[in-house]
Amino acid sequence: MTGNASTPVPFSRIKIRVGALVFCGDDVALIRRDRTDSTHYTPPGGNVEHGEDLRRALARELAEELDLDIDQAEGGDLLWVIDQRVTRPGPTPPPRKLHLIHRLHITPALRATLAETELDELPDGSHETGVIEWVDYRKTAELPVFPPIGPALAALPDPRATVTDAALPAVTDENYTWL
């Protein structure tokens, strides 16, 4: 806090966000969000609620966004952690976010039952529609993915490859511009 004790400063709060790279063979599920002046992709996931167990948060988010029951998927291991300290537009100071990216594998039969669109509630109560796209993971380096995991994802030798360093570079104002 600064001079005024009721005025939070940027990054003085930490939010945990769980996300998942859901693979079906070489394809990975990403949510495409088309905005007036940009398009970007995100792995399915969202913020962990206060006191919520991380696995339950991941299960809730994947059920909400993909209609996926994670008990029907294989895996769930933590793949990457990304520390985000990016200034963003809006009246409230941005939180620091820790993105916990997990990895799951599903069958083509299960993939055929999943959602094709996702509704993301906005602060004003309206919704933004996201399109679930299945993308060959090797092509993700070419896409505007947030958090910026595309190059690391595309560099995997295969979707089940062992990752020895779970920490990806921090996302800051120096290396990222908010879309």
Protein backbone atom coordinates (compact mmCIF):
# COMPACT_ATOMS: atom_id res chain seq x y z
CA MET A 1 0.00 0.00 0.00
CA THR A 2 1.05 3.56 -0.60
CA GLY A 3 0.21 6.75 1.30
CA ASN A 4 -3.53 6.06 1.35
CA ALA A 5 -4.04 2.73 3.15
CA SER A 6 -7.21 1.98 1.16
CA THR A 7 -5.56 2.36 -2.26
CA PRO A 8 -4.06 -0.95 -3.41
CA VAL A 9 -0.89 -0.78 -5.47
CA PRO A 10 -0.30 -2.79 -8.64
CA PHE A 11 0.69 -6.43 -8.07
CA SER A 12 0.12 -6.21 -4.29
CA ARG A 13 -2.47 -9.01 -4.59
CA ILE A 14 -1.77 -12.48 -5.96
CA LYS A 15 -4.35 -14.52 -7.84
CA ILE A 16 -3.82 -18.14 -8.77
CA ARG A 17 -5.08 -19.23 -12.17
CA VAL A 18 -5.32 -22.86 -13.23
CA GLY A 19 -5.30 -23.80 -16.87
CA ALA A 20 -4.97 -26.96 -18.90
CA LEU A 21 -3.46 -28.08 -22.13
CA VAL A 22 -5.99 -30.72 -23.14
CA PHE A 23 -4.45 -32.90 -25.83
CA CYS A 24 -6.18 -35.25 -28.23
CA GLY A 25 -3.28 -36.78 -30.12
CA ASP A 26 -1.21 -33.87 -31.46
CA ASP A 27 -4.09 -31.39 -31.18
CA VAL A 28 -4.54 -29.14 -28.14
CA ALA A 29 -7.73 -27.29 -27.14
CA LEU A 30 -7.42 -23.50 -27.08
CA ILE A 31 -10.14 -20.89 -26.66
CA ARG A 32 -10.07 -18.26 -29.41
CA ARG A 33 -11.38 -14.86 -28.40
CA ASP A 34 -12.12 -12.42 -31.21
CA ARG A 35 -12.23 -8.78 -30.19
CA THR A 36 -12.74 -5.64 -32.25
CA ASP A 37 -9.02 -4.99 -32.61
CA SER A 38 -7.42 -8.33 -31.81
CA THR A 39 -7.70 -12.10 -31.61
CA HIS A 40 -6.00 -14.16 -28.95
CA TYR A 41 -6.03 -17.71 -27.63
CA THR A 42 -5.99 -19.04 -24.09
CA PRO A 43 -5.84 -22.52 -22.65
CA PRO A 44 -9.09 -23.39 -20.86
CA GLY A 45 -8.99 -22.41 -17.20
CA GLY A 46 -9.64 -19.60 -14.78
CA ASN A 47 -9.05 -18.11 -11.38
CA VAL A 48 -8.98 -20.28 -8.28
CA GLU A 49 -11.62 -19.17 -5.78
CA HIS A 50 -10.57 -18.31 -2.23
CA GLY A 51 -9.90 -21.53 -0.30
CA GLU A 52 -10.58 -23.74 -3.33
CA ASP A 53 -8.50 -26.89 -3.86
CA LEU A 54 -6.40 -26.58 -7.04
CA ARG A 55 -7.62 -29.86 -8.59
CA ARG A 56 -11.24 -28.93 -7.86
CA ALA A 57 -10.67 -25.51 -9.43
CA LEU A 58 -9.22 -27.14 -12.53
CA ALA A 59 -12.11 -29.61 -12.68
CA ARG A 60 -14.65 -26.78 -12.29
CA GLU A 61 -13.07 -24.63 -14.98
CA LEU A 62 -12.77 -27.49 -17.49
CA ALA A 63 -16.38 -28.50 -16.84
CA GLU A 64 -17.53 -24.88 -17.33
CA GLU A 65 -15.48 -24.15 -20.44
CA LEU A 66 -15.15 -27.48 -22.27
CA ASP A 67 -17.88 -29.56 -20.65
CA LEU A 68 -15.03 -31.94 -19.73
CA ASP A 69 -15.11 -34.26 -16.72
CA ILE A 70 -11.40 -34.47 -15.85
CA ASP A 71 -11.93 -37.92 -14.36
CA GLN A 72 -12.43 -39.08 -17.97
CA ALA A 73 -9.05 -37.63 -18.98
CA GLU A 74 -5.59 -39.03 -18.44
CA GLY A 75 -2.89 -37.07 -16.64
CA GLY A 76 -3.38 -33.77 -14.89
CA ASP A 77 0.25 -33.18 -14.00
CA LEU A 78 1.52 -29.64 -13.54
CA LEU A 79 3.46 -28.75 -16.66
CA TRP A 80 4.36 -25.05 -16.29
CA VAL A 81 4.16 -22.12 -13.89
CA ILE A 82 4.12 -18.56 -15.24
CA ASP A 83 4.42 -15.45 -13.06
CA GLN A 84 2.40 -12.57 -14.56
CA ARG A 85 2.98 -8.93 -13.60
CA VAL A 86 1.41 -7.03 -16.50
CA THR A 87 -0.29 -3.65 -16.31
CA ARG A 88 -3.72 -3.82 -17.88
CA PRO A 89 -6.42 -1.33 -18.78
CA GLY A 90 -9.10 -0.56 -16.21
CA PRO A 91 -9.70 1.25 -12.93
CA THR A 92 -8.40 -1.42 -10.52
CA PRO A 93 -4.71 -2.07 -9.99
CA PRO A 94 -3.70 -5.32 -11.65
CA PRO A 95 -3.05 -8.36 -9.50
CA ARG A 96 0.01 -10.50 -9.82
CA LYS A 97 -1.13 -13.82 -11.28
CA LEU A 98 0.47 -17.20 -11.04
CA HIS A 99 -0.66 -19.39 -13.93
CA LEU A 100 -0.51 -23.12 -13.16
CA ILE A 101 -0.71 -24.95 -16.49
CA HIS A 102 -1.61 -28.64 -16.32
CA ARG A 103 -1.55 -31.30 -19.03
CA LEU A 104 -4.34 -33.76 -19.83
CA HIS A 105 -4.92 -36.29 -22.62
CA ILE A 106 -8.29 -37.38 -23.98
CA THR A 107 -9.56 -39.80 -26.60
CA PRO A 108 -11.13 -38.79 -29.93
CA ALA A 109 -14.44 -40.23 -28.68
CA LEU A 110 -14.40 -37.95 -25.64
CA ARG A 111 -13.31 -34.96 -27.74
CA ALA A 112 -16.41 -35.42 -29.93
CA THR A 113 -18.63 -34.78 -26.87
CA LEU A 114 -16.98 -31.54 -25.73
CA ALA A 115 -18.24 -27.98 -26.08
CA GLU A 116 -17.43 -25.99 -29.22
CA THR A 117 -17.97 -22.55 -27.69
CA GLU A 118 -17.47 -21.02 -24.26
CA LEU A 119 -19.13 -18.02 -22.61
CA ASP A 120 -16.83 -15.89 -20.46
CA GLU A 121 -18.66 -13.57 -18.07
CA LEU A 122 -17.41 -9.98 -18.20
CA PRO A 123 -17.36 -7.58 -15.21
CA ASP A 124 -20.52 -5.82 -16.46
CA GLY A 125 -22.47 -9.12 -16.46
CA SER A 126 -22.41 -9.55 -20.24
CA HIS A 127 -20.61 -12.44 -21.91
CA GLU A 128 -17.83 -12.81 -24.44
CA THR A 129 -18.06 -15.89 -26.65
CA GLY A 130 -14.94 -17.96 -27.11
CA VAL A 131 -14.56 -20.60 -29.81
CA ILE A 132 -12.91 -23.87 -28.84
CA GLU A 133 -10.29 -24.64 -31.47
CA TRP A 134 -8.21 -27.79 -31.70
CA VAL A 135 -4.79 -26.79 -32.96
CA ASP A 136 -1.74 -28.90 -33.76
CA TYR A 137 0.44 -28.07 -30.76
CA ARG A 138 3.49 -27.58 -33.02
CA LYS A 139 1.76 -24.55 -34.61
CA THR A 140 1.08 -22.69 -31.35
CA ALA A 141 4.30 -20.64 -31.55
CA GLU A 142 2.67 -18.76 -34.45
CA LEU A 143 -0.47 -17.85 -32.44
CA PRO A 144 -1.12 -15.01 -29.99
CA VAL A 145 -1.57 -17.25 -26.90
CA PHE A 146 -1.89 -15.89 -23.36
CA PRO A 147 -0.19 -16.65 -21.17
CA PRO A 148 2.55 -16.73 -23.84
CA ILE A 149 3.21 -20.48 -23.79
CA GLY A 150 3.06 -21.02 -27.57
CA PRO A 151 6.83 -21.25 -28.21
CA ALA A 152 7.41 -23.62 -25.26
CA LEU A 153 4.43 -25.74 -26.28
CA ALA A 154 5.49 -25.91 -29.92
CA ALA A 155 9.01 -26.93 -28.84
CA LEU A 156 7.82 -30.09 -27.06
CA PRO A 157 9.11 -33.16 -28.92
CA ASP A 158 5.66 -34.72 -28.42
CA PRO A 159 2.54 -34.04 -26.30
CA ARG A 160 3.71 -36.43 -23.57
CA ALA A 161 7.31 -35.22 -23.39
CA THR A 162 8.86 -34.83 -19.98
CA VAL A 163 9.46 -31.23 -18.96
CA THR A 164 12.40 -30.77 -16.61
CA ASP A 165 11.87 -27.07 -15.80
CA ALA A 166 8.32 -26.08 -14.94
CA ALA A 167 9.12 -22.36 -14.66
CA LEU A 168 8.52 -20.42 -17.86
CA PRO A 169 9.78 -16.82 -18.12
CA ALA A 170 7.78 -14.23 -16.19
CA VAL A 171 5.33 -12.11 -18.16
CA THR A 172 5.95 -8.43 -17.47
CA ASP A 173 5.38 -5.04 -19.08
CA GLU A 174 8.91 -5.32 -20.50
CA ASN A 175 8.11 -8.42 -22.58
CA TYR A 176 4.34 -8.31 -23.09
CA THR A 177 1.78 -5.72 -24.24
CA TRP A 178 -1.81 -6.27 -23.07
CA LEU A 179 -4.16 -7.06 -25.97
